[in-house]
C-alpha atoms as a PDB file:
ATOM      1  CA  UNK A   1      97.136  68.568  98.889  1.00  0.00           C
ATOM      2  CA  UNK A   2      98.048  69.201  95.237  1.00  0.00           C
ATOM      3  CA  UNK A   3      95.609  72.146  95.002  1.00  0.00           C
ATOM      4  CA  UNK A   4      97.059  73.644  98.208  1.00  0.00           C
ATOM      5  CA  UNK A   5     100.560  73.455  96.743  1.00  0.00           C
ATOM      6  CA  UNK A   6      99.320  75.030  93.508  1.00  0.00           C
ATOM      7  CA  UNK A   7      97.680  77.863  95.443  1.00  0.00           C
ATOM      8  CA  UNK A   8     100.845  78.442  97.467  1.00  0.00           C
ATOM      9  CA  UNK A   9     102.904  78.483  94.273  1.00  0.00           C
ATOM     10  CA  UNK A  10     100.626  81.144  92.747  1.00  0.00           C
ATOM     11  CA  UNK A  11     100.597  83.330  95.876  1.00  0.00           C
ATOM     12  CA  UNK A  12     103.986  84.991  95.226  1.00  0.00           C
ATOM     13  CA  UNK A  13     102.890  85.762  91.658  1.00  0.00           C
ATOM     14  CA  UNK A  14      99.886  87.676  92.968  1.00  0.00           C
ATOM     15  CA  UNK A  15     102.190  89.857  95.083  1.00  0.00           C
ATOM     16  CA  UNK A  16     104.737  90.674  92.351  1.00  0.00           C
ATOM     17  CA  UNK A  17     104.560  93.838  90.245  1.00  0.00           C
ATOM     18  CA  UNK A  18     102.760  93.596  86.899  1.00  0.00           C
ATOM     19  CA  UNK A  19     104.755  92.847  83.735  1.00  0.00           C
ATOM     20  CA  UNK A  20     105.015  96.604  83.096  1.00  0.00           C
ATOM     21  CA  UNK A  21     105.081  98.799  86.198  1.00  0.00           C
ATOM     22  CA  UNK A  22     103.550 102.281  85.959  1.00  0.00           C
ATOM     23  CA  UNK A  23     106.055 105.080  85.339  1.00  0.00           C
ATOM     24  CA  UNK A  24     105.987 107.943  87.838  1.00  0.00           C
ATOM     25  CA  UNK A  25     104.853 110.963  85.822  1.00  0.00           C
ATOM     26  CA  UNK A  26     104.444 113.568  88.555  1.00  0.00           C
ATOM     27  CA  UNK A  27     105.594 114.001  92.140  1.00  0.00           C
ATOM     28  CA  UNK A  28     103.956 116.759  94.199  1.00  0.00           C
ATOM     29  CA  UNK A  29     104.676 117.418  97.860  1.00  0.00           C
ATOM     30  CA  UNK A  30     103.564 119.767 100.621  1.00  0.00           C
ATOM     31  CA  UNK A  31     103.853 120.341 104.342  1.00  0.00           C
ATOM     32  CA  UNK A  32     106.213 122.146 106.675  1.00  0.00           C
ATOM     33  CA  UNK A  33     108.714 119.262 106.370  1.00  0.00           C
ATOM     34  CA  UNK A  34     108.806 119.546 102.575  1.00  0.00           C
ATOM     35  CA  UNK A  35     107.416 122.919 101.470  1.00  0.00           C
ATOM     36  CA  UNK A  36     105.834 123.213  98.018  1.00  0.00           C
ATOM     37  CA  UNK A  37     108.246 124.349  95.286  1.00  0.00           C
ATOM     38  CA  UNK A  38     111.269 123.866  97.594  1.00  0.00           C
ATOM     39  CA  UNK A  39     112.815 120.980  95.675  1.00  0.00           C
ATOM     40  CA  UNK A  40     113.207 119.214  99.031  1.00  0.00           C
ATOM     41  CA  UNK A  41     111.757 115.885  97.850  1.00  0.00           C
ATOM     42  CA  UNK A  42     113.244 113.872  94.987  1.00  0.00           C
ATOM     43  CA  UNK A  43     112.081 110.516  93.667  1.00  0.00           C
ATOM     44  CA  UNK A  44     114.827 107.913  93.508  1.00  0.00           C
ATOM     45  CA  UNK A  45     112.696 105.418  91.619  1.00  0.00           C
ATOM     46  CA  UNK A  46     111.197 105.889  88.167  1.00  0.00           C
ATOM     47  CA  UNK A  47     108.318 103.433  88.541  1.00  0.00           C
ATOM     48  CA  UNK A  48     105.762 102.083  90.970  1.00  0.00           C
ATOM     49  CA  UNK A  49     107.024  98.515  90.969  1.00  0.00           C
ATOM     50  CA  UNK A  50     107.577  96.490  94.124  1.00  0.00           C
ATOM     51  CA  UNK A  51     109.188  99.571  95.676  1.00  0.00           C
ATOM     52  CA  UNK A  52     109.090 103.360  95.329  1.00  0.00           C
ATOM     53  CA  UNK A  53     111.233 105.816  97.231  1.00  0.00           C
ATOM     54  CA  UNK A  54     112.043 109.465  97.793  1.00  0.00           C
ATOM     55  CA  UNK A  55     114.823 111.528  99.381  1.00  0.00           C
ATOM     56  CA  UNK A  56     114.284 114.490 101.717  1.00  0.00           C
ATOM     57  CA  UNK A  57     116.450 117.548 102.395  1.00  0.00           C
ATOM     58  CA  UNK A  58     114.237 119.476 104.848  1.00  0.00           C
ATOM     59  CA  UNK A  59     112.341 116.867 106.904  1.00  0.00           C
ATOM     60  CA  UNK A  60     113.949 117.658 110.243  1.00  0.00           C
ATOM     61  CA  UNK A  61     113.003 119.141 113.566  1.00  0.00           C
ATOM     62  CA  UNK A  62     112.743 118.838 117.335  1.00  0.00           C
ATOM     63  CA  UNK A  63     108.980 118.522 117.835  1.00  0.00           C
ATOM     64  CA  UNK A  64     106.881 117.569 114.800  1.00  0.00           C
ATOM     65  CA  UNK A  65     106.547 118.215 111.092  1.00  0.00           C
ATOM     66  CA  UNK A  66     104.829 116.601 108.168  1.00  0.00           C
ATOM     67  CA  UNK A  67     105.501 115.835 104.547  1.00  0.00           C
ATOM     68  CA  UNK A  68     102.717 114.801 102.178  1.00  0.00           C
ATOM     69  CA  UNK A  69     103.857 113.202  98.913  1.00  0.00           C
ATOM     70  CA  UNK A  70     101.435 112.714  96.017  1.00  0.00           C
ATOM     71  CA  UNK A  71     102.521 110.355  93.231  1.00  0.00           C
ATOM     72  CA  UNK A  72     100.903 110.147  89.806  1.00  0.00           C
ATOM     73  CA  UNK A  73     101.847 107.388  87.383  1.00  0.00           C
ATOM     74  CA  UNK A  74     100.751 105.765  84.134  1.00  0.00           C
ATOM     75  CA  UNK A  75     101.830 103.278  81.482  1.00  0.00           C
ATOM     76  CA  UNK A  76     101.551 100.108  83.555  1.00  0.00           C
ATOM     77  CA  UNK A  77      99.925  96.860  82.537  1.00  0.00           C
ATOM     78  CA  UNK A  78      96.132  97.027  82.655  1.00  0.00           C
ATOM     79  CA  UNK A  79      94.108  94.951  85.104  1.00  0.00           C
ATOM     80  CA  UNK A  80      96.186  95.480  88.279  1.00  0.00           C
ATOM     81  CA  UNK A  81      95.761  97.114  91.708  1.00  0.00           C
ATOM     82  CA  UNK A  82      98.531  98.237  94.044  1.00  0.00           C
ATOM     83  CA  UNK A  83      98.760  98.911  97.802  1.00  0.00           C
ATOM     84  CA  UNK A  84     101.439 100.074 100.248  1.00  0.00           C
ATOM     85  CA  UNK A  85     102.436  97.164 102.514  1.00  0.00           C
ATOM     86  CA  UNK A  86     105.406  98.621 104.395  1.00  0.00           C
ATOM     87  CA  UNK A  87     107.058 102.009 104.846  1.00  0.00           C
ATOM     88  CA  UNK A  88     110.681 102.569 105.778  1.00  0.00           C
ATOM     89  CA  UNK A  89     112.178 105.891 106.900  1.00  0.00           C
ATOM     90  CA  UNK A  90     115.921 106.406 107.286  1.00  0.00           C
ATOM     91  CA  UNK A  91     117.736 109.323 108.908  1.00  0.00           C
ATOM     92  CA  UNK A  92     119.582 110.789 111.869  1.00  0.00           C
ATOM     93  CA  UNK A  93     117.814 110.627 115.229  1.00  0.00           C
ATOM     94  CA  UNK A  94     119.006 111.934 118.593  1.00  0.00           C
ATOM     95  CA  UNK A  95     116.946 111.139 121.700  1.00  0.00           C
ATOM     96  CA  UNK A  96     118.035 111.823 125.300  1.00  0.00           C
ATOM     97  CA  UNK A  97     116.580 110.894 128.662  1.00  0.00           C
ATOM     98  CA  UNK A  98     113.029 109.643 128.628  1.00  0.00           C
ATOM     99  CA  UNK A  99     112.128 110.532 125.051  1.00  0.00           C
ATOM    100  CA  UNK A 100     110.593 108.926 122.045  1.00  0.00           C
ATOM    101  CA  UNK A 101     110.126 109.410 118.354  1.00  0.00           C
ATOM    102  CA  UNK A 102     106.705 108.369 117.089  1.00  0.00           C
ATOM    103  CA  UNK A 103     105.982 108.134 113.372  1.00  0.00           C
ATOM    104  CA  UNK A 104     102.559 108.326 111.764  1.00  0.00           C
ATOM    105  CA  UNK A 105     101.951 107.717 108.089  1.00  0.00           C
ATOM    106  CA  UNK A 106      98.593 108.069 106.390  1.00  0.00           C
ATOM    107  CA  UNK A 107      98.186 106.299 103.043  1.00  0.00           C
ATOM    108  CA  UNK A 108      95.280 106.726 100.641  1.00  0.00           C
ATOM    109  CA  UNK A 109      94.366 106.966  96.967  1.00  0.00           C
ATOM    110  CA  UNK A 110      92.819 110.271  95.856  1.00  0.00           C
ATOM    111  CA  UNK A 111      89.882 108.491  94.218  1.00  0.00           C
ATOM    112  CA  UNK A 112      88.958 106.967  97.587  1.00  0.00           C
ATOM    113  CA  UNK A 113      90.346 109.383 100.195  1.00  0.00           C
ATOM    114  CA  UNK A 114      87.848 108.190 102.801  1.00  0.00           C
ATOM    115  CA  UNK A 115      89.590 104.808 102.837  1.00  0.00           C
ATOM    116  CA  UNK A 116      92.761 105.917 104.628  1.00  0.00           C
ATOM    117  CA  UNK A 117      95.207 103.645 106.399  1.00  0.00           C
ATOM    118  CA  UNK A 118      97.545 104.722 109.197  1.00  0.00           C
ATOM    119  CA  UNK A 119     100.893 103.054 109.826  1.00  0.00           C
ATOM    120  CA  UNK A 120     102.716 103.785 113.091  1.00  0.00           C
ATOM    121  CA  UNK A 121     106.252 103.167 114.287  1.00  0.00           C
ATOM    122  CA  UNK A 122     108.920 104.737 116.433  1.00  0.00           C
ATOM    123  CA  UNK A 123     111.845 104.557 118.818  1.00  0.00           C
ATOM    124  CA  UNK A 124     111.981 104.893 122.595  1.00  0.00           C
ATOM    125  CA  UNK A 125     114.976 106.095 124.581  1.00  0.00           C
ATOM    126  CA  UNK A 126     115.027 104.940 128.183  1.00  0.00           C
ATOM    127  CA  UNK A 127     118.284 106.883 128.674  1.00  0.00           C
ATOM    128  CA  UNK A 128     120.911 108.045 128.454  1.00  0.00           C
ATOM    129  CA  UNK A 129     120.943 108.659 124.661  1.00  0.00           C
ATOM    130  CA  UNK A 130     120.214 107.332 121.173  1.00  0.00           C
ATOM    131  CA  UNK A 131     122.262 109.172 118.565  1.00  0.00           C
ATOM    132  CA  UNK A 132     122.395 107.213 115.340  1.00  0.00           C
ATOM    133  CA  UNK A 133     121.477 106.873 111.701  1.00  0.00           C
ATOM    134  CA  UNK A 134     118.316 104.770 112.111  1.00  0.00           C
ATOM    135  CA  UNK A 135     115.690 102.917 110.124  1.00  0.00           C
ATOM    136  CA  UNK A 136     112.070 103.095 111.285  1.00  0.00           C
ATOM    137  CA  UNK A 137     109.689 100.548 109.691  1.00  0.00           C
ATOM    138  CA  UNK A 138     105.927 100.305 109.757  1.00  0.00           C
ATOM    139  CA  UNK A 139     103.808  97.676 108.043  1.00  0.00           C
ATOM    140  CA  UNK A 140     100.137  96.856 107.725  1.00  0.00           C
ATOM    141  CA  UNK A 141      97.849  94.018 106.795  1.00  0.00           C
ATOM    142  CA  UNK A 142      95.024  96.546 106.226  1.00  0.00           C
ATOM    143  CA  UNK A 143      95.939  97.267 102.607  1.00  0.00           C
ATOM    144  CA  UNK A 144      94.393 100.268 100.835  1.00  0.00           C
ATOM    145  CA  UNK A 145      94.108  99.211  97.180  1.00  0.00           C
ATOM    146  CA  UNK A 146      94.287 101.536  94.198  1.00  0.00           C
ATOM    147  CA  UNK A 147      91.684 101.483  91.484  1.00  0.00           C
ATOM    148  CA  UNK A 148      92.137  98.874  88.783  1.00  0.00           C
ATOM    149  CA  UNK A 149      94.507 100.069  86.075  1.00  0.00           C
ATOM    150  CA  UNK A 150      92.817 100.552  82.725  1.00  0.00           C
ATOM    151  CA  UNK A 151      94.307 100.856  79.260  1.00  0.00           C
ATOM    152  CA  UNK A 152      96.312 103.936  80.370  1.00  0.00           C
ATOM    153  CA  UNK A 153      97.959 101.891  83.156  1.00  0.00           C
ATOM    154  CA  UNK A 154      97.150 104.570  85.746  1.00  0.00           C
ATOM    155  CA  UNK A 155      96.410 103.263  89.270  1.00  0.00           C
ATOM    156  CA  UNK A 156      95.409 106.750  90.507  1.00  0.00           C
ATOM    157  CA  UNK A 157      97.168 109.245  92.770  1.00  0.00           C
ATOM    158  CA  UNK A 158      98.980 107.671  95.715  1.00  0.00           C
ATOM    159  CA  UNK A 159      99.093 109.960  98.768  1.00  0.00           C
ATOM    160  CA  UNK A 160     101.561 109.297 101.588  1.00  0.00           C
ATOM    161  CA  UNK A 161     101.569 111.773 104.492  1.00  0.00           C
ATOM    162  CA  UNK A 162     104.436 111.248 106.973  1.00  0.00           C
ATOM    163  CA  UNK A 163     104.560 112.911 110.395  1.00  0.00           C
ATOM    164  CA  UNK A 164     107.397 112.324 112.883  1.00  0.00           C
ATOM    165  CA  UNK A 165     106.705 113.456 116.478  1.00  0.00           C
ATOM    166  CA  UNK A 166     109.219 113.926 119.333  1.00  0.00           C
ATOM    167  CA  UNK A 167     107.878 113.451 122.862  1.00  0.00           C
ATOM    168  CA  UNK A 168     109.643 113.618 126.230  1.00  0.00           C
ATOM    169  CA  UNK A 169     112.875 115.199 127.457  1.00  0.00           C
ATOM    170  CA  UNK A 170     114.812 115.897 124.228  1.00  0.00           C
ATOM    171  CA  UNK A 171     114.907 114.758 120.646  1.00  0.00           C
ATOM    172  CA  UNK A 172     115.701 115.696 117.064  1.00  0.00           C
ATOM    173  CA  UNK A 173     115.236 113.966 113.715  1.00  0.00           C
ATOM    174  CA  UNK A 174     116.584 114.540 110.217  1.00  0.00           C
ATOM    175  CA  UNK A 175     115.006 112.046 107.828  1.00  0.00           C
ATOM    176  CA  UNK A 176     116.855 111.519 104.544  1.00  0.00           C
ATOM    177  CA  UNK A 177     114.941 108.751 102.728  1.00  0.00           C
ATOM    178  CA  UNK A 178     111.560 107.034 102.606  1.00  0.00           C
ATOM    179  CA  UNK A 179     110.712 103.793 100.861  1.00  0.00           C
ATOM    180  CA  UNK A 180     107.302 102.330 100.162  1.00  0.00           C
ATOM    181  CA  UNK A 181     107.149  98.572  99.659  1.00  0.00           C
ATOM    182  CA  UNK A 182     104.229  97.801  97.369  1.00  0.00           C
ATOM    183  CA  UNK A 183     102.132  94.717  96.655  1.00  0.00           C
ATOM    184  CA  UNK A 184     100.060  94.064  93.541  1.00  0.00           C
ATOM    185  CA  UNK A 185      97.066  91.938  92.659  1.00  0.00           C
ATOM    186  CA  UNK A 186      95.042  91.208  89.548  1.00  0.00           C
ATOM    187  CA  UNK A 187      91.630  92.851  89.348  1.00  0.00           C
END
């Protein structure tokens, strides 16, 4: 019983960010929902801690679009791995009639692009209308871990590709923010 309690006490420590979280050194983006060199994506966090987030100015439409964000970081504590556990998108959504908004997010690390995870979420309108500032969440237990940080504290390049899709009678979206909830482990 005592060892079980000790293990449960240590569990939250394994999920917390390392003593020094990596600093975001470069943010690159692409896609028709956030064109390269448009300035349409801004980081609103300076580090990859327990959370990282961005703001959008052009991720809107009435059918589908995508925005791929690539995050480089360094300077974190060595001996740690990080993974995306949950993704939250916030913005204006209008659905009418029998319509739905589906969201697809692919997450991978450049060093291991073949090990890609997909998180899905969405909203369904059974009529007459959804017109609101909404939050769409997706989470996964199938974590895609970064490489182990070395002396430079660099976990690798995190790639998050978000694609909203409208299906049915009528719909529009205008996403303003995305947040990635991260988990860490010793390696």
